[in-house]
């Protein structure tokens, strides 16, 4: 496997396919880089170099006790980008990965970045606060934490239903897709996924978004039951200097799979444009 060791001794797995302009993918919770496979196959087949890592504590990366926070995630991403000496890269972040790529630019700048994509991303802030009254109450995330401690295997099956919109009338979501989500979750570390709930819900990425001036594509489904569009995609687009917002009618959070053909076409057009 392709891996590297971070400054704190964490082993990070990554995959690196194809040749051409680099496209770097950051995945969501509690998944790993395999969750991007539809986009990676498509873009690599269209002449791009596609790179995706398993976030620390997820997938095939090691499971450190510490460092399960957005700053460290962004620093790990920076180490990967610098190790591979990537230039003119397109960064694509899904859900928690959207926070990761935004924080990467906030902490490390955009000298190596040509464009950015935020797909069903948690940016700018999921948690309800006095400054973010439209966010979700902390009790929602406390519920995730309690369910994780009680029976995280069942939690991932329950989340998968809303993630793909399988709980909507007329939904056509296979059991295989639900099982695939569950399997990725169970590969991740218990402590790592537990800590990541705080990272993706409580990290305020507003200033990171304001600092970004590269062209940014924001894609969000208007039936996202996991990361509500009003306080995420729509709010993020307003903070960005140079953004294009695409709203997918009826799409759930996991539109990388449920709407993969539409998303792949939109990503290719954005990258080429």
Protein backbone atom coordinates (compact mmCIF):
# COMPACT_ATOMS: atom_id res chain seq x y z
CA UNK A 1 0.00 0.00 0.00
CA UNK A 2 1.07 3.62 -0.51
CA UNK A 3 1.51 5.24 2.90
CA UNK A 4 3.49 7.97 4.59
CA UNK A 5 4.26 8.82 8.20
CA UNK A 6 3.17 12.21 9.52
CA UNK A 7 5.18 14.44 11.85
CA UNK A 8 3.47 12.82 14.89
CA UNK A 9 4.05 9.26 13.71
CA UNK A 10 0.63 8.54 12.21
CA UNK A 11 0.61 6.33 9.13
CA UNK A 12 -1.63 7.68 6.37
CA UNK A 13 -2.79 5.51 3.47
CA UNK A 14 -3.43 7.06 0.07
CA UNK A 15 -4.19 5.99 -3.48
CA UNK A 16 -2.71 7.73 -6.52
CA UNK A 17 -4.18 6.88 -9.93
CA UNK A 18 -3.64 8.20 -13.43
CA UNK A 19 -1.67 11.09 -14.85
CA UNK A 20 -2.34 14.75 -15.56
CA UNK A 21 -3.45 17.68 -13.44
CA UNK A 22 -3.81 16.44 -9.84
CA UNK A 23 -7.20 16.21 -8.18
CA UNK A 24 -7.11 15.57 -4.43
CA UNK A 25 -10.12 14.14 -2.61
CA UNK A 26 -11.01 14.43 1.10
CA UNK A 27 -13.74 12.09 2.35
CA UNK A 28 -16.57 12.31 4.87
CA UNK A 29 -17.27 10.74 8.27
CA UNK A 30 -16.99 7.82 9.07
CA UNK A 31 -15.85 6.78 5.60
CA UNK A 32 -12.56 6.51 3.75
CA UNK A 33 -11.13 7.26 0.33
CA UNK A 34 -13.14 4.43 -1.26
CA UNK A 35 -16.23 6.61 -0.92
CA UNK A 36 -14.87 8.73 -3.80
CA UNK A 37 -14.39 5.81 -6.17
CA UNK A 38 -17.10 6.85 -8.67
CA UNK A 39 -15.48 10.26 -9.12
CA UNK A 40 -11.92 8.92 -9.09
CA UNK A 41 -12.62 6.31 -11.75
CA UNK A 42 -14.38 8.86 -13.93
CA UNK A 43 -11.81 11.65 -13.64
CA UNK A 44 -8.78 9.36 -13.98
CA UNK A 45 -10.39 7.96 -17.13
CA UNK A 46 -10.69 11.52 -18.42
CA UNK A 47 -7.01 12.35 -18.17
CA UNK A 48 -6.47 13.46 -14.58
CA UNK A 49 -4.27 12.26 -11.74
CA UNK A 50 -6.53 11.46 -8.81
CA UNK A 51 -5.27 11.16 -5.23
CA UNK A 52 -7.24 10.33 -2.10
CA UNK A 53 -6.13 9.48 1.41
CA UNK A 54 -7.79 7.80 4.35
CA UNK A 55 -8.03 10.42 7.09
CA UNK A 56 -6.16 9.53 10.28
CA UNK A 57 -8.19 6.99 12.22
CA UNK A 58 -10.22 5.99 9.15
CA UNK A 59 -9.92 3.17 6.64
CA UNK A 60 -6.40 1.82 6.22
CA UNK A 61 -4.64 4.63 8.09
CA UNK A 62 -3.49 4.11 11.66
CA UNK A 63 -5.69 5.01 14.62
CA UNK A 64 -3.92 7.52 16.88
CA UNK A 65 -5.57 8.52 20.14
CA UNK A 66 -4.87 12.22 19.57
CA UNK A 67 -5.06 14.62 16.65
CA UNK A 68 -8.66 13.92 15.65
CA UNK A 69 -9.44 17.57 14.92
CA UNK A 70 -9.79 19.77 11.86
CA UNK A 71 -6.42 21.50 12.24
CA UNK A 72 -4.57 18.19 12.32
CA UNK A 73 -6.62 16.80 9.44
CA UNK A 74 -5.62 19.85 7.39
CA UNK A 75 -1.97 19.46 8.37
CA UNK A 76 -2.01 15.79 7.34
CA UNK A 77 -3.43 16.83 3.97
CA UNK A 78 -0.68 19.45 3.65
CA UNK A 79 1.96 16.78 4.29
CA UNK A 80 0.46 14.59 1.56
CA UNK A 81 0.34 17.46 -0.95
CA UNK A 82 3.90 18.52 -0.16
CA UNK A 83 5.25 14.95 -0.16
CA UNK A 84 3.84 14.38 -3.66
CA UNK A 85 4.88 17.94 -4.65
CA UNK A 86 1.47 18.62 -6.13
CA UNK A 87 0.95 21.86 -8.02
CA UNK A 88 -2.08 23.41 -9.72
CA UNK A 89 -4.20 20.94 -7.78
CA UNK A 90 -7.97 20.77 -7.56
CA UNK A 91 -9.11 19.98 -4.02
CA UNK A 92 -12.48 18.27 -3.59
CA UNK A 93 -13.93 17.85 -0.12
CA UNK A 94 -17.08 15.93 0.74
CA UNK A 95 -18.91 16.59 4.04
CA UNK A 96 -16.23 16.55 6.77
CA UNK A 97 -13.68 16.59 3.95
CA UNK A 98 -15.07 19.95 2.89
CA UNK A 99 -14.05 21.31 6.26
CA UNK A 100 -10.65 19.69 5.85
CA UNK A 101 -9.88 21.32 2.50
CA UNK A 102 -11.17 24.72 3.67
CA UNK A 103 -9.03 24.56 6.80
CA UNK A 104 -6.07 23.43 4.67
CA UNK A 105 -6.25 26.67 2.68
CA UNK A 106 -6.88 28.66 5.84
CA UNK A 107 -3.72 27.25 7.47
CA UNK A 108 -1.44 26.59 4.51
CA UNK A 109 -2.59 28.92 1.75
CA UNK A 110 -3.56 28.20 -1.84
CA UNK A 111 -0.18 28.35 -3.57
CA UNK A 112 -0.56 24.72 -4.69
CA UNK A 113 -4.31 24.99 -5.40
CA UNK A 114 -5.99 25.92 -8.67
CA UNK A 115 -9.62 25.23 -7.76
CA UNK A 116 -11.73 23.96 -4.89
CA UNK A 117 -14.90 21.89 -4.67
CA UNK A 118 -17.16 21.65 -1.60
CA UNK A 119 -19.58 18.74 -2.00
CA UNK A 120 -22.30 18.33 0.66
CA UNK A 121 -19.75 20.04 2.88
CA UNK A 122 -20.03 20.91 6.58
CA UNK A 123 -18.76 24.44 5.91
CA UNK A 124 -19.09 26.99 7.41
CA UNK A 125 -20.49 25.66 10.74
CA UNK A 126 -23.01 22.97 11.61
CA UNK A 127 -23.52 23.78 15.31
CA UNK A 128 -26.17 26.23 16.45
CA UNK A 129 -24.56 29.18 18.23
CA UNK A 130 -25.66 32.77 18.95
CA UNK A 131 -23.83 33.78 15.77
CA UNK A 132 -25.20 30.79 13.83
CA UNK A 133 -28.85 30.48 14.93
CA UNK A 134 -29.77 28.31 11.95
CA UNK A 135 -27.38 25.55 12.95
CA UNK A 136 -28.26 22.25 14.55
CA UNK A 137 -28.52 22.06 18.35
CA UNK A 138 -25.70 20.37 20.22
CA UNK A 139 -28.18 17.71 21.36
CA UNK A 140 -28.15 16.30 17.81
CA UNK A 141 -24.42 15.68 18.00
CA UNK A 142 -24.63 14.48 21.59
CA UNK A 143 -27.07 11.90 20.26
CA UNK A 144 -24.48 10.77 17.71
CA UNK A 145 -21.90 10.43 20.47
CA UNK A 146 -24.24 8.48 22.72
CA UNK A 147 -25.23 6.16 19.88
CA UNK A 148 -21.59 5.66 18.97
CA UNK A 149 -20.76 4.53 22.50
CA UNK A 150 -23.88 2.37 22.79
CA UNK A 151 -23.77 0.55 19.42
CA UNK A 152 -21.80 2.25 16.71
CA UNK A 153 -22.43 -0.57 14.24
CA UNK A 154 -26.17 0.13 14.39
CA UNK A 155 -25.50 3.89 14.32
CA UNK A 156 -23.79 3.57 10.96
CA UNK A 157 -26.68 1.56 9.54
CA UNK A 158 -29.13 4.18 10.79
CA UNK A 159 -27.05 7.07 9.44
CA UNK A 160 -26.66 5.36 6.08
CA UNK A 161 -30.42 5.42 5.54
CA UNK A 162 -30.61 9.21 5.87
CA UNK A 163 -27.22 9.64 4.16
CA UNK A 164 -28.49 8.12 0.92
CA UNK A 165 -32.11 9.18 1.35
CA UNK A 166 -33.22 5.56 1.61
CA UNK A 167 -35.86 6.63 4.11
CA UNK A 168 -37.69 8.73 1.51
CA UNK A 169 -40.76 7.39 -0.33
CA UNK A 170 -39.81 5.83 -3.64
CA UNK A 171 -36.08 5.83 -2.90
CA UNK A 172 -34.02 3.36 -4.90
CA UNK A 173 -31.06 2.68 -2.65
CA UNK A 174 -29.60 -0.81 -2.67
CA UNK A 175 -28.81 -2.82 0.43
CA UNK A 176 -25.32 -3.10 -0.98
CA UNK A 177 -24.88 0.66 -0.75
CA UNK A 178 -26.08 0.67 2.87
CA UNK A 179 -23.72 -2.20 3.68
CA UNK A 180 -20.83 -0.42 1.95
CA UNK A 181 -21.30 2.65 4.16
CA UNK A 182 -21.49 0.45 7.26
CA UNK A 183 -18.34 -1.45 6.30
CA UNK A 184 -16.31 1.73 5.85
CA UNK A 185 -17.52 3.01 9.20
CA UNK A 186 -16.55 -0.17 11.00
CA UNK A 187 -13.04 -0.02 9.50
CA UNK A 188 -12.51 3.31 11.25
CA UNK A 189 -11.27 3.65 14.81
CA UNK A 190 -13.83 4.03 17.59
CA UNK A 191 -12.05 6.94 19.32
CA UNK A 192 -11.27 8.58 16.00
CA UNK A 193 -14.84 8.61 14.73
CA UNK A 194 -16.12 9.68 18.15
CA UNK A 195 -13.77 12.67 18.24
CA UNK A 196 -14.53 13.51 14.62
CA UNK A 197 -18.15 14.26 15.54
CA UNK A 198 -16.91 17.30 17.45
CA UNK A 199 -14.51 18.21 14.65
CA UNK A 200 -17.14 18.26 11.91
CA UNK A 201 -19.90 19.88 13.99
CA UNK A 202 -18.14 22.49 16.10
CA UNK A 203 -15.30 23.77 13.90
CA UNK A 204 -16.16 27.25 12.64
CA UNK A 205 -14.76 27.50 9.12
CA UNK A 206 -16.20 30.92 8.29
CA UNK A 207 -12.87 32.73 8.28
CA UNK A 208 -11.27 29.95 6.25
CA UNK A 209 -13.94 30.40 3.58
CA UNK A 210 -13.48 34.17 3.58
CA UNK A 211 -9.76 33.67 2.93
CA UNK A 212 -10.31 31.51 -0.16
CA UNK A 213 -10.08 33.28 -3.51
CA UNK A 214 -9.60 30.37 -5.93
CA UNK A 215 -12.64 29.39 -8.03
CA UNK A 216 -14.87 27.22 -5.84
CA UNK A 217 -17.73 24.93 -6.80
CA UNK A 218 -20.32 24.35 -4.08
CA UNK A 219 -22.66 21.38 -4.64
CA UNK A 220 -25.45 20.48 -2.22
CA UNK A 221 -28.69 18.53 -2.35
CA UNK A 222 -31.82 20.31 -1.15
CA UNK A 223 -32.97 17.13 0.64
CA UNK A 224 -29.76 16.68 2.63
CA UNK A 225 -30.88 15.25 5.99
CA UNK A 226 -27.35 15.13 7.42
CA UNK A 227 -25.90 18.57 6.59
CA UNK A 228 -28.80 20.98 5.96
CA UNK A 229 -28.32 23.05 2.82
CA UNK A 230 -29.40 26.37 4.33
CA UNK A 231 -26.63 26.54 6.91
CA UNK A 232 -24.07 24.72 4.77
CA UNK A 233 -24.00 24.99 0.99
CA UNK A 234 -26.01 28.20 0.70
CA UNK A 235 -24.23 29.87 3.62
CA UNK A 236 -20.80 28.76 2.36
CA UNK A 237 -21.39 30.16 -1.12
CA UNK A 238 -22.18 33.56 0.39
CA UNK A 239 -18.86 33.68 2.26
CA UNK A 240 -16.68 32.68 -0.68
CA UNK A 241 -15.23 35.32 -2.99
CA UNK A 242 -15.44 33.31 -6.19
CA UNK A 243 -18.06 30.59 -5.94
CA UNK A 244 -20.59 28.76 -8.09
CA UNK A 245 -23.48 27.09 -6.25
CA UNK A 246 -25.20 24.05 -7.74
CA UNK A 247 -28.29 22.80 -5.93
CA UNK A 248 -29.45 19.28 -6.79
CA UNK A 249 -33.24 19.06 -6.34
CA UNK A 250 -34.24 16.12 -4.16
CA UNK A 251 -30.67 14.96 -3.66
CA UNK A 252 -29.56 13.50 -0.31
CA UNK A 253 -26.27 13.98 1.49
CA UNK A 254 -24.59 11.07 -0.29
CA UNK A 255 -25.03 12.48 -3.77
CA UNK A 256 -21.53 11.31 -4.75
CA UNK A 257 -23.25 7.95 -5.25
CA UNK A 258 -26.96 8.65 -5.72
CA UNK A 259 -26.27 11.39 -8.28
CA UNK A 260 -22.81 10.31 -9.41
CA UNK A 261 -23.35 10.79 -13.14
CA UNK A 262 -24.63 14.33 -12.69
CA UNK A 263 -21.88 15.17 -10.20
CA UNK A 264 -19.14 13.68 -12.38
CA UNK A 265 -20.26 15.76 -15.35
CA UNK A 266 -20.45 18.93 -13.25
CA UNK A 267 -17.01 18.32 -11.73
CA UNK A 268 -15.44 17.72 -15.13
CA UNK A 269 -16.99 20.90 -16.52
CA UNK A 270 -15.79 22.90 -13.51
CA UNK A 271 -12.26 21.52 -13.67
CA UNK A 272 -12.00 22.13 -17.41
CA UNK A 273 -13.63 25.58 -17.26
